[in-house]
Every structure is written in structure tokens, then in C-alpha cells.
Amino acid sequence: MGEMTFQFPPALERWIEAQVAEGRYADAADYLRDLVRRDQGGLLPGMELSHASETPEYIAWVREKVAEGLASGVCEEDAFAVLDEIVANRKARRA
């Protein structure tokens, strides 16, 4: 496989670094590969729904997300308390 090199403006570079810092990606290349795969599958946010909804992959993805939501149950906790906990956990992981 060939190698590609990209240059990004500082703001985009910081964005990519922030995505990697969240821990979902091993490095910038991993993040960019994920973006390309999602673009290929029509799963990127902001994509015209009329185009995305026509693909079997998109329909399967939506069904999977609905099933995950239904399986997760109902949270009885205060929504703001849950968000505060999520933010605190993310900050702790970065430290």
C-alpha cells in the first residue's frame, strides 16, 4: 500500500489531536482511516439523508443504533448529573 502525506491548518491539526487524545484512535492515521471508511459507507454526519438512507449499510447502522438504545434501558438519574459524571470521567482519563 502506498503512503500519503497531508498537511493540515493548525485548527484542523488540533482537532485531529483532540480526537486521538480522547482515546478512541491510536493515532492520527487511525482517525483519518475511520473517517474515510465512514465516508465510503455513507455514515458521516451531515450527509444528505436522501442519499444515506438508500444504502443497506446505513439502514443496518440505524437499526443497530436503535437496538442499542432500546437495550440500554431507561436511566432514572438526573440528566445533568449523568453529563457531569461523563465530563469528569473524560477529564480523569486525560490526566
PDB file of N, CA and C in Angstrom:
ATOM      1  N   MET A   1       0.845  -1.172   0.000  1.00  0.00           N
ATOM      2  CA  MET A   1       0.000   0.000   0.000  1.00  0.00           C
ATOM      3  C   MET A   1       0.889   1.232   0.000  1.00  0.00           C
ATOM      4  N   GLY A   2       0.494   2.236  -0.752  1.00  0.00           N
ATOM      5  CA  GLY A   2       1.265   3.466  -0.835  1.00  0.00           C
ATOM      6  C   GLY A   2       1.108   4.317   0.403  1.00  0.00           C
ATOM      7  N   GLU A   3       2.007   5.267   0.521  1.00  0.00           N
ATOM      8  CA  GLU A   3       1.965   6.178   1.657  1.00  0.00           C
ATOM      9  C   GLU A   3       1.486   7.542   1.171  1.00  0.00           C
ATOM     10  N   MET A   4       0.660   8.187   1.972  1.00  0.00           N
ATOM     11  CA  MET A   4       0.165   9.525   1.646  1.00  0.00           C
ATOM     12  C   MET A   4       0.579  10.467   2.766  1.00  0.00           C
ATOM     13  N   THR A   5       0.869  11.682   2.398  1.00  0.00           N
ATOM     14  CA  THR A   5       1.233  12.698   3.382  1.00  0.00           C
ATOM     15  C   THR A   5       0.287  13.879   3.213  1.00  0.00           C
ATOM     16  N   PHE A   6      -0.202  14.389   4.332  1.00  0.00           N
ATOM     17  CA  PHE A   6      -1.132  15.513   4.297  1.00  0.00           C
ATOM     18  C   PHE A   6      -0.630  16.618   5.211  1.00  0.00           C
ATOM     19  N   GLN A   7      -0.944  17.838   4.853  1.00  0.00           N
ATOM     20  CA  GLN A   7      -0.691  18.972   5.725  1.00  0.00           C
ATOM     21  C   GLN A   7      -2.037  19.618   6.043  1.00  0.00           C
ATOM     22  N   PHE A   8      -2.244  19.893   7.321  1.00  0.00           N
ATOM     23  CA  PHE A   8      -3.496  20.489   7.768  1.00  0.00           C
ATOM     24  C   PHE A   8      -3.224  21.840   8.394  1.00  0.00           C
ATOM     25  N   PRO A   9      -4.182  22.759   8.296  1.00  0.00           N
ATOM     26  CA  PRO A   9      -4.043  24.017   9.024  1.00  0.00           C
ATOM     27  C   PRO A   9      -4.038  23.722  10.528  1.00  0.00           C
ATOM     28  N   PRO A  10      -3.451  24.605  11.324  1.00  0.00           N
ATOM     29  CA  PRO A  10      -3.337  24.362  12.767  1.00  0.00           C
ATOM     30  C   PRO A  10      -4.651  23.996  13.456  1.00  0.00           C
ATOM     31  N   ALA A  11      -5.739  24.646  13.090  1.00  0.00           N
ATOM     32  CA  ALA A  11      -7.022  24.351  13.751  1.00  0.00           C
ATOM     33  C   ALA A  11      -7.455  22.912  13.489  1.00  0.00           C
ATOM     34  N   LEU A  12      -7.297  22.443  12.256  1.00  0.00           N
ATOM     35  CA  LEU A  12      -7.659  21.053  11.954  1.00  0.00           C
ATOM     36  C   LEU A  12      -6.702  20.080  12.630  1.00  0.00           C
ATOM     37  N   GLU A  13      -5.438  20.456  12.683  1.00  0.00           N
ATOM     38  CA  GLU A  13      -4.461  19.604  13.350  1.00  0.00           C
ATOM     39  C   GLU A  13      -4.816  19.436  14.829  1.00  0.00           C
ATOM     40  N   ARG A  14      -5.196  20.535  15.476  1.00  0.00           N
ATOM     41  CA  ARG A  14      -5.607  20.455  16.892  1.00  0.00           C
ATOM     42  C   ARG A  14      -6.846  19.578  17.046  1.00  0.00           C
ATOM     43  N   TRP A  15      -7.776  19.687  16.096  1.00  0.00           N
ATOM     44  CA  TRP A  15      -8.986  18.865  16.153  1.00  0.00           C
ATOM     45  C   TRP A  15      -8.624  17.380  16.082  1.00  0.00           C
ATOM     46  N   ILE A  16      -7.773  17.033  15.137  1.00  0.00           N
ATOM     47  CA  ILE A  16      -7.355  15.634  14.979  1.00  0.00           C
ATOM     48  C   ILE A  16      -6.657  15.149  16.246  1.00  0.00           C
ATOM     49  N   GLU A  17      -5.764  15.963  16.777  1.00  0.00           N
ATOM     50  CA  GLU A  17      -5.056  15.589  18.004  1.00  0.00           C
ATOM     51  C   GLU A  17      -6.035  15.395  19.165  1.00  0.00           C
ATOM     52  N   ALA A  18      -7.066  16.221  19.227  1.00  0.00           N
ATOM     53  CA  ALA A  18      -8.069  16.087  20.295  1.00  0.00           C
ATOM     54  C   ALA A  18      -8.840  14.779  20.150  1.00  0.00           C
ATOM     55  N   GLN A  19      -9.153  14.390  18.919  1.00  0.00           N
ATOM     56  CA  GLN A  19      -9.867  13.135  18.704  1.00  0.00           C
ATOM     57  C   GLN A  19      -9.015  11.954  19.150  1.00  0.00           C
ATOM     58  N   VAL A  20      -7.734  12.008  18.852  1.00  0.00           N
ATOM     59  CA  VAL A  20      -6.812  10.936  19.264  1.00  0.00           C
ATOM     60  C   VAL A  20      -6.689  10.927  20.787  1.00  0.00           C
ATOM     61  N   ALA A  21      -6.612  12.124  21.394  1.00  0.00           N
ATOM     62  CA  ALA A  21      -6.455  12.231  22.852  1.00  0.00           C
ATOM     63  C   ALA A  21      -7.645  11.647  23.605  1.00  0.00           C
ATOM     64  N   GLU A  22      -8.823  11.619  22.978  1.00  0.00           N
ATOM     65  CA  GLU A  22      -9.991  11.043  23.639  1.00  0.00           C
ATOM     66  C   GLU A  22      -9.866   9.537  23.812  1.00  0.00           C
ATOM     67  N   GLY A  23      -8.924   8.926  23.095  1.00  0.00           N
ATOM     68  CA  GLY A  23      -8.651   7.511  23.299  1.00  0.00           C
ATOM     69  C   GLY A  23      -9.349   6.557  22.353  1.00  0.00           C
ATOM     70  N   ARG A  24     -10.149   7.071  21.438  1.00  0.00           N
ATOM     71  CA  ARG A  24     -10.842   6.171  20.505  1.00  0.00           C
ATOM     72  C   ARG A  24      -9.968   5.764  19.335  1.00  0.00           C
ATOM     73  N   TYR A  25      -8.882   6.503  19.119  1.00  0.00           N
ATOM     74  CA  TYR A  25      -7.998   6.248  17.982  1.00  0.00           C
ATOM     75  C   TYR A  25      -6.567   6.109  18.465  1.00  0.00           C
ATOM     76  N   ALA A  26      -5.816   5.227  17.819  1.00  0.00           N
ATOM     77  CA  ALA A  26      -4.418   5.005  18.181  1.00  0.00           C
ATOM     78  C   ALA A  26      -3.545   6.190  17.789  1.00  0.00           C
ATOM     79  N   ASP A  27      -3.842   6.786  16.656  1.00  0.00           N
ATOM     80  CA  ASP A  27      -3.062   7.915  16.158  1.00  0.00           C
ATOM     81  C   ASP A  27      -3.872   8.639  15.081  1.00  0.00           C
ATOM     82  N   ALA A  28      -3.283   9.693  14.515  1.00  0.00           N
ATOM     83  CA  ALA A  28      -3.984  10.494  13.514  1.00  0.00           C
ATOM     84  C   ALA A  28      -4.351   9.659  12.291  1.00  0.00           C
ATOM     85  N   ALA A  29      -3.470   8.762  11.875  1.00  0.00           N
ATOM     86  CA  ALA A  29      -3.758   7.927  10.706  1.00  0.00           C
ATOM     87  C   ALA A  29      -4.974   7.039  10.961  1.00  0.00           C
ATOM     88  N   ASP A  30      -5.094   6.519  12.173  1.00  0.00           N
ATOM     89  CA  ASP A  30      -6.236   5.676  12.530  1.00  0.00           C
ATOM     90  C   ASP A  30      -7.528   6.486  12.441  1.00  0.00           C
ATOM     91  N   TYR A  31      -7.489   7.724  12.920  1.00  0.00           N
ATOM     92  CA  TYR A  31      -8.657   8.614  12.855  1.00  0.00           C
ATOM     93  C   TYR A  31      -9.038   8.881  11.399  1.00  0.00           C
ATOM     94  N   LEU A  32      -8.072   9.210  10.562  1.00  0.00           N
ATOM     95  CA  LEU A  32      -8.359   9.504   9.162  1.00  0.00           C
ATOM     96  C   LEU A  32      -8.873   8.272   8.420  1.00  0.00           C
ATOM     97  N   ARG A  33      -8.321   7.090   8.728  1.00  0.00           N
ATOM     98  CA  ARG A  33      -8.844   5.861   8.107  1.00  0.00           C
ATOM     99  C   ARG A  33     -10.308   5.653   8.470  1.00  0.00           C
ATOM    100  N   ASP A  34     -10.659   5.912   9.741  1.00  0.00           N
ATOM    101  CA  ASP A  34     -12.046   5.765  10.175  1.00  0.00           C
ATOM    102  C   ASP A  34     -12.954   6.729   9.417  1.00  0.00           C
ATOM    103  N   LEU A  35     -12.510   7.973   9.250  1.00  0.00           N
ATOM    104  CA  LEU A  35     -13.309   8.939   8.502  1.00  0.00           C
ATOM    105  C   LEU A  35     -13.550   8.479   7.069  1.00  0.00           C
ATOM    106  N   VAL A  36     -12.512   7.970   6.439  1.00  0.00           N
ATOM    107  CA  VAL A  36     -12.646   7.515   5.046  1.00  0.00           C
ATOM    108  C   VAL A  36     -13.606   6.328   4.980  1.00  0.00           C
ATOM    109  N   ARG A  37     -13.478   5.382   5.912  1.00  0.00           N
ATOM    110  CA  ARG A  37     -14.382   4.215   5.907  1.00  0.00           C
ATOM    111  C   ARG A  37     -15.831   4.638   6.105  1.00  0.00           C
ATOM    112  N   ARG A  38     -16.056   5.575   7.037  1.00  0.00           N
ATOM    113  CA  ARG A  38     -17.429   6.039   7.262  1.00  0.00           C
ATOM    114  C   ARG A  38     -17.954   6.801   6.053  1.00  0.00           C
ATOM    115  N   ASP A  39     -17.094   7.536   5.397  1.00  0.00           N
ATOM    116  CA  ASP A  39     -17.493   8.246   4.185  1.00  0.00           C
ATOM    117  C   ASP A  39     -17.865   7.238   3.102  1.00  0.00           C
ATOM    118  N   GLN A  40     -17.082   6.181   2.973  1.00  0.00           N
ATOM    119  CA  GLN A  40     -17.383   5.143   1.985  1.00  0.00           C
ATOM    120  C   GLN A  40     -18.728   4.486   2.263  1.00  0.00           C
ATOM    121  N   GLY A  41     -19.031   4.297   3.534  1.00  0.00           N
ATOM    122  CA  GLY A  41     -20.279   3.645   3.913  1.00  0.00           C
ATOM    123  C   GLY A  41     -21.461   4.598   3.987  1.00  0.00           C
ATOM    124  N   GLY A  42     -21.234   5.868   3.741  1.00  0.00           N
ATOM    125  CA  GLY A  42     -22.316   6.843   3.799  1.00  0.00           C
ATOM    126  C   GLY A  42     -22.782   7.128   5.210  1.00  0.00           C
ATOM    127  N   LEU A  43     -21.875   7.004   6.192  1.00  0.00           N
ATOM    128  CA  LEU A  43     -22.285   7.149   7.588  1.00  0.00           C
ATOM    129  C   LEU A  43     -21.766   8.409   8.256  1.00  0.00           C
ATOM    130  N   LEU A  44     -21.232   9.331   7.480  1.00  0.00           N
ATOM    131  CA  LEU A  44     -20.725  10.554   8.094  1.00  0.00           C
ATOM    132  C   LEU A  44     -21.854  11.523   8.408  1.00  0.00           C
ATOM    133  N   PRO A  45     -21.792  12.188   9.579  1.00  0.00           N
ATOM    134  CA  PRO A  45     -22.803  13.193   9.899  1.00  0.00           C
ATOM    135  C   PRO A  45     -22.809  14.281   8.839  1.00  0.00           C
ATOM    136  N   GLY A  46     -23.969  14.840   8.588  1.00  0.00           N
ATOM    137  CA  GLY A  46     -24.079  15.911   7.618  1.00  0.00           C
ATOM    138  C   GLY A  46     -24.333  15.413   6.208  1.00  0.00           C
ATOM    139  N   MET A  47     -24.265  14.109   6.009  1.00  0.00           N
ATOM    140  CA  MET A  47     -24.529  13.567   4.685  1.00  0.00           C
ATOM    141  C   MET A  47     -26.019  13.710   4.397  1.00  0.00           C
ATOM    142  N   GLU A  48     -26.345  14.018   3.194  1.00  0.00           N
ATOM    143  CA  GLU A  48     -27.749  14.156   2.820  1.00  0.00           C
ATOM    144  C   GLU A  48     -28.486  12.862   3.150  1.00  0.00           C
ATOM    145  N   LEU A  49     -29.515  12.948   3.933  1.00  0.00           N
ATOM    146  CA  LEU A  49     -30.260  11.771   4.348  1.00  0.00           C
ATOM    147  C   LEU A  49     -30.831  11.030   3.152  1.00  0.00           C
ATOM    148  N   SER A  50     -31.238  11.744   2.132  1.00  0.00           N
ATOM    149  CA  SER A  50     -31.830  11.073   0.980  1.00  0.00           C
ATOM    150  C   SER A  50     -30.839  10.127   0.320  1.00  0.00           C
ATOM    151  N   HIS A  51     -29.548  10.474   0.366  1.00  0.00           N
ATOM    152  CA  HIS A  51     -28.530   9.595  -0.209  1.00  0.00           C
ATOM    153  C   HIS A  51     -28.164   8.480   0.765  1.00  0.00           C
ATOM    154  N   ALA A  52     -27.967   8.848   2.031  1.00  0.00           N
ATOM    155  CA  ALA A  52     -27.548   7.869   3.024  1.00  0.00           C
ATOM    156  C   ALA A  52     -28.609   6.812   3.262  1.00  0.00           C
ATOM    157  N   SER A  53     -29.874   7.222   3.286  1.00  0.00           N
ATOM    158  CA  SER A  53     -30.935   6.277   3.621  1.00  0.00           C
ATOM    159  C   SER A  53     -31.167   5.248   2.528  1.00  0.00           C
ATOM    160  N   GLU A  54     -30.578   5.449   1.376  1.00  0.00           N
ATOM    161  CA  GLU A  54     -30.759   4.497   0.287  1.00  0.00           C
ATOM    162  C   GLU A  54     -29.824   3.301   0.389  1.00  0.00           C
ATOM    163  N   THR A  55     -28.813   3.376   1.251  1.00  0.00           N
ATOM    164  CA  THR A  55     -27.838   2.287   1.313  1.00  0.00           C
ATOM    165  C   THR A  55     -28.233   1.270   2.375  1.00  0.00           C
ATOM    166  N   PRO A  56     -28.051  -0.007   2.079  1.00  0.00           N
ATOM    167  CA  PRO A  56     -28.335  -1.044   3.085  1.00  0.00           C
ATOM    168  C   PRO A  56     -27.452  -0.886   4.320  1.00  0.00           C
ATOM    169  N   GLU A  57     -26.226  -0.381   4.125  1.00  0.00           N
ATOM    170  CA  GLU A  57     -25.316  -0.198   5.253  1.00  0.00           C
ATOM    171  C   GLU A  57     -25.859   0.835   6.234  1.00  0.00           C
ATOM    172  N   TYR A  58     -26.411   1.912   5.690  1.00  0.00           N
ATOM    173  CA  TYR A  58     -26.959   2.960   6.547  1.00  0.00           C
ATOM    174  C   TYR A  58     -28.182   2.448   7.303  1.00  0.00           C
ATOM    175  N   ILE A  59     -29.035   1.747   6.632  1.00  0.00           N
ATOM    176  CA  ILE A  59     -30.230   1.188   7.277  1.00  0.00           C
ATOM    177  C   ILE A  59     -29.812   0.228   8.390  1.00  0.00           C
ATOM    178  N   ALA A  60     -28.812  -0.611   8.125  1.00  0.00           N
ATOM    179  CA  ALA A  60     -28.324  -1.549   9.142  1.00  0.00           C
ATOM    180  C   ALA A  60     -27.729  -0.786  10.321  1.00  0.00           C
ATOM    181  N   TRP A  61     -26.992   0.290  10.037  1.00  0.00           N
ATOM    182  CA  TRP A  61     -26.385   1.092  11.095  1.00  0.00           C
ATOM    183  C   TRP A  61     -27.467   1.725  11.969  1.00  0.00           C
ATOM    184  N   VAL A  62     -28.514   2.275  11.361  1.00  0.00           N
ATOM    185  CA  VAL A  62     -29.600   2.896  12.126  1.00  0.00           C
ATOM    186  C   VAL A  62     -30.300   1.842  12.984  1.00  0.00           C
ATOM    187  N   ARG A  63     -30.570   0.681  12.408  1.00  0.00           N
ATOM    188  CA  ARG A  63     -31.220  -0.385  13.180  1.00  0.00           C
ATOM    189  C   ARG A  63     -30.363  -0.815  14.362  1.00  0.00           C
ATOM    190  N   GLU A  64     -29.047  -0.888  14.136  1.00  0.00           N
ATOM    191  CA  GLU A  64     -28.131  -1.259  15.218  1.00  0.00           C
ATOM    192  C   GLU A  64     -28.172  -0.220  16.337  1.00  0.00           C
ATOM    193  N   LYS A  65     -28.178   1.058  15.986  1.00  0.00           N
ATOM    194  CA  LYS A  65     -28.215   2.121  16.992  1.00  0.00           C
ATOM    195  C   LYS A  65     -29.541   2.122  17.755  1.00  0.00           C
ATOM    196  N   VAL A  66     -30.631   1.867  17.065  1.00  0.00           N
ATOM    197  CA  VAL A  66     -31.937   1.790  17.726  1.00  0.00           C
ATOM    198  C   VAL A  66     -31.950   0.612  18.703  1.00  0.00           C
ATOM    199  N   ALA A  67     -31.432  -0.537  18.272  1.00  0.00           N
ATOM    200  CA  ALA A  67     -31.384  -1.717  19.145  1.00  0.00           C
ATOM    201  C   ALA A  67     -30.522  -1.444  20.371  1.00  0.00           C
ATOM    202  N   GLU A  68     -29.383  -0.772  20.182  1.00  0.00           N
ATOM    203  CA  GLU A  68     -28.527  -0.422  21.321  1.00  0.00           C
ATOM    204  C   GLU A  68     -29.272   0.480  22.301  1.00  0.00           C
ATOM    205  N   GLY A  69     -29.982   1.453  21.770  1.00  0.00           N
ATOM    206  CA  GLY A  69     -30.735   2.360  22.629  1.00  0.00           C
ATOM    207  C   GLY A  69     -31.815   1.636  23.411  1.00  0.00           C
ATOM    208  N   LEU A  70     -32.556   0.778  22.743  1.00  0.00           N
ATOM    209  CA  LEU A  70     -33.611   0.021  23.422  1.00  0.00           C
ATOM    210  C   LEU A  70     -33.040  -0.912  24.482  1.00  0.00           C
ATOM    211  N   ALA A  71     -31.912  -1.544  24.170  1.00  0.00           N
ATOM    212  CA  ALA A  71     -31.295  -2.486  25.105  1.00  0.00           C
ATOM    213  C   ALA A  71     -30.681  -1.788  26.312  1.00  0.00           C
ATOM    214  N   SER A  72     -30.361  -0.516  26.185  1.00  0.00           N
ATOM    215  CA  SER A  72     -29.692   0.185  27.282  1.00  0.00           C
ATOM    216  C   SER A  72     -30.642   0.527  28.425  1.00  0.00           C
ATOM    217  N   GLY A  73     -31.934   0.466  28.180  1.00  0.00           N
ATOM    218  CA  GLY A  73     -32.888   0.737  29.243  1.00  0.00           C
ATOM    219  C   GLY A  73     -33.089   2.221  29.475  1.00  0.00           C
ATOM    220  N   VAL A  74     -33.827   2.523  30.537  1.00  0.00           N
ATOM    221  CA  VAL A  74     -34.155   3.902  30.873  1.00  0.00           C
ATOM    222  C   VAL A  74     -33.341   4.304  32.091  1.00  0.00           C
ATOM    223  N   CYS A  75     -32.731   5.452  32.023  1.00  0.00           N
ATOM    224  CA  CYS A  75     -31.929   5.971  33.126  1.00  0.00           C
ATOM    225  C   CYS A  75     -32.826   6.822  34.020  1.00  0.00           C
ATOM    226  N   GLU A  76     -32.847   6.508  35.291  1.00  0.00           N
ATOM    227  CA  GLU A  76     -33.677   7.247  36.243  1.00  0.00           C
ATOM    228  C   GLU A  76     -32.929   8.429  36.853  1.00  0.00           C
ATOM    229  N   GLU A  77     -31.616   8.542  36.568  1.00  0.00           N
ATOM    230  CA  GLU A  77     -30.820   9.619  37.144  1.00  0.00           C
ATOM    231  C   GLU A  77     -31.110  10.944  36.446  1.00  0.00           C
ATOM    232  N   ASP A  78     -30.778  12.022  37.131  1.00  0.00           N
ATOM    233  CA  ASP A  78     -30.902  13.356  36.565  1.00  0.00           C
ATOM    234  C   ASP A  78     -29.947  13.482  35.376  1.00  0.00           C
ATOM    235  N   ALA A  79     -30.447  13.969  34.254  1.00  0.00           N
ATOM    236  CA  ALA A  79     -29.645  14.063  33.032  1.00  0.00           C
ATOM    237  C   ALA A  79     -28.394  14.916  33.236  1.00  0.00           C
ATOM    238  N   PHE A  80     -28.504  16.010  33.975  1.00  0.00           N
ATOM    239  CA  PHE A  80     -27.352  16.871  34.204  1.00  0.00           C
ATOM    240  C   PHE A  80     -26.305  16.176  35.068  1.00  0.00           C
ATOM    241  N   ALA A  81     -26.739  15.363  36.018  1.00  0.00           N
ATOM    242  CA  ALA A  81     -25.801  14.612  36.853  1.00  0.00           C
ATOM    243  C   ALA A  81     -25.044  13.590  36.009  1.00  0.00           C
ATOM    244  N   VAL A  82     -25.741  12.952  35.083  1.00  0.00           N
ATOM    245  CA  VAL A  82     -25.100  11.986  34.194  1.00  0.00           C
ATOM    246  C   VAL A  82     -24.062  12.688  33.322  1.00  0.00           C
ATOM    247  N   LEU A  83     -24.417  13.835  32.762  1.00  0.00           N
ATOM    248  CA  LEU A  83     -23.469  14.586  31.933  1.00  0.00           C
ATOM    249  C   LEU A  83     -22.258  15.039  32.743  1.00  0.00           C
ATOM    250  N   ASP A  84     -22.479  15.493  33.967  1.00  0.00           N
ATOM    251  CA  ASP A  84     -21.358  15.893  34.821  1.00  0.00           C
ATOM    252  C   ASP A  84     -20.419  14.710  35.069  1.00  0.00           C
ATOM    253  N   GLU A  85     -20.980  13.537  35.282  1.00  0.00           N
ATOM    254  CA  GLU A  85     -20.172  12.334  35.508  1.00  0.00           C
ATOM    255  C   GLU A  85     -19.360  11.971  34.263  1.00  0.00           C
ATOM    256  N   ILE A  86     -19.975  12.081  33.099  1.00  0.00           N
ATOM    257  CA  ILE A  86     -19.273  11.793  31.842  1.00  0.00           C
ATOM    258  C   ILE A  86     -18.108  12.754  31.657  1.00  0.00           C
ATOM    259  N   VAL A  87     -18.342  14.032  31.888  1.00  0.00           N
ATOM    260  CA  VAL A  87     -17.286  15.030  31.740  1.00  0.00           C
ATOM    261  C   VAL A  87     -16.163  14.758  32.729  1.00  0.00           C
ATOM    262  N   ALA A  88     -16.500  14.446  33.958  1.00  0.00           N
ATOM    263  CA  ALA A  88     -15.479  14.163  34.976  1.00  0.00           C
ATOM    264  C   ALA A  88     -14.646  12.943  34.606  1.00  0.00           C
ATOM    265  N   ASN A  89     -15.294  11.904  34.092  1.00  0.00           N
ATOM    266  CA  ASN A  89     -14.570  10.693  33.668  1.00  0.00           C
ATOM    267  C   ASN A  89     -13.628  10.992  32.519  1.00  0.00           C
ATOM    268  N   ARG A  90     -14.051  11.782  31.557  1.00  0.00           N
ATOM    269  CA  ARG A  90     -13.193  12.142  30.417  1.00  0.00           C
ATOM    270  C   ARG A  90     -11.981  12.946  30.879  1.00  0.00           C
ATOM    271  N   LYS A  91     -12.216  13.890  31.786  1.00  0.00           N
ATOM    272  CA  LYS A  91     -11.114  14.694  32.306  1.00  0.00           C
ATOM    273  C   LYS A  91     -10.118  13.806  33.063  1.00  0.00           C
ATOM    274  N   ALA A  92     -10.627  12.846  33.816  1.00  0.00           N
ATOM    275  CA  ALA A  92      -9.759  11.953  34.582  1.00  0.00           C
ATOM    276  C   ALA A  92      -8.907  11.088  33.640  1.00  0.00           C
ATOM    277  N   ARG A  93      -9.483  10.658  32.521  1.00  0.00           N
ATOM    278  CA  ARG A  93      -8.728   9.843  31.560  1.00  0.00           C
ATOM    279  C   ARG A  93      -7.607  10.635  30.895  1.00  0.00           C
ATOM    280  N   ARG A  94      -7.823  11.933  30.708  1.00  0.00           N
ATOM    281  CA  ARG A  94      -6.809  12.780  30.050  1.00  0.00           C
ATOM    282  C   ARG A  94      -5.660  13.101  30.977  1.00  0.00           C
ATOM    283  N   ALA A  95      -5.903  13.045  32.277  1.00  0.00           N
ATOM    284  CA  ALA A  95      -4.858  13.420  33.258  1.00  0.00           C
ATOM    285  C   ALA A  95      -3.807  12.346  33.398  1.00  0.00           C
TER     286      ALA A  95
END
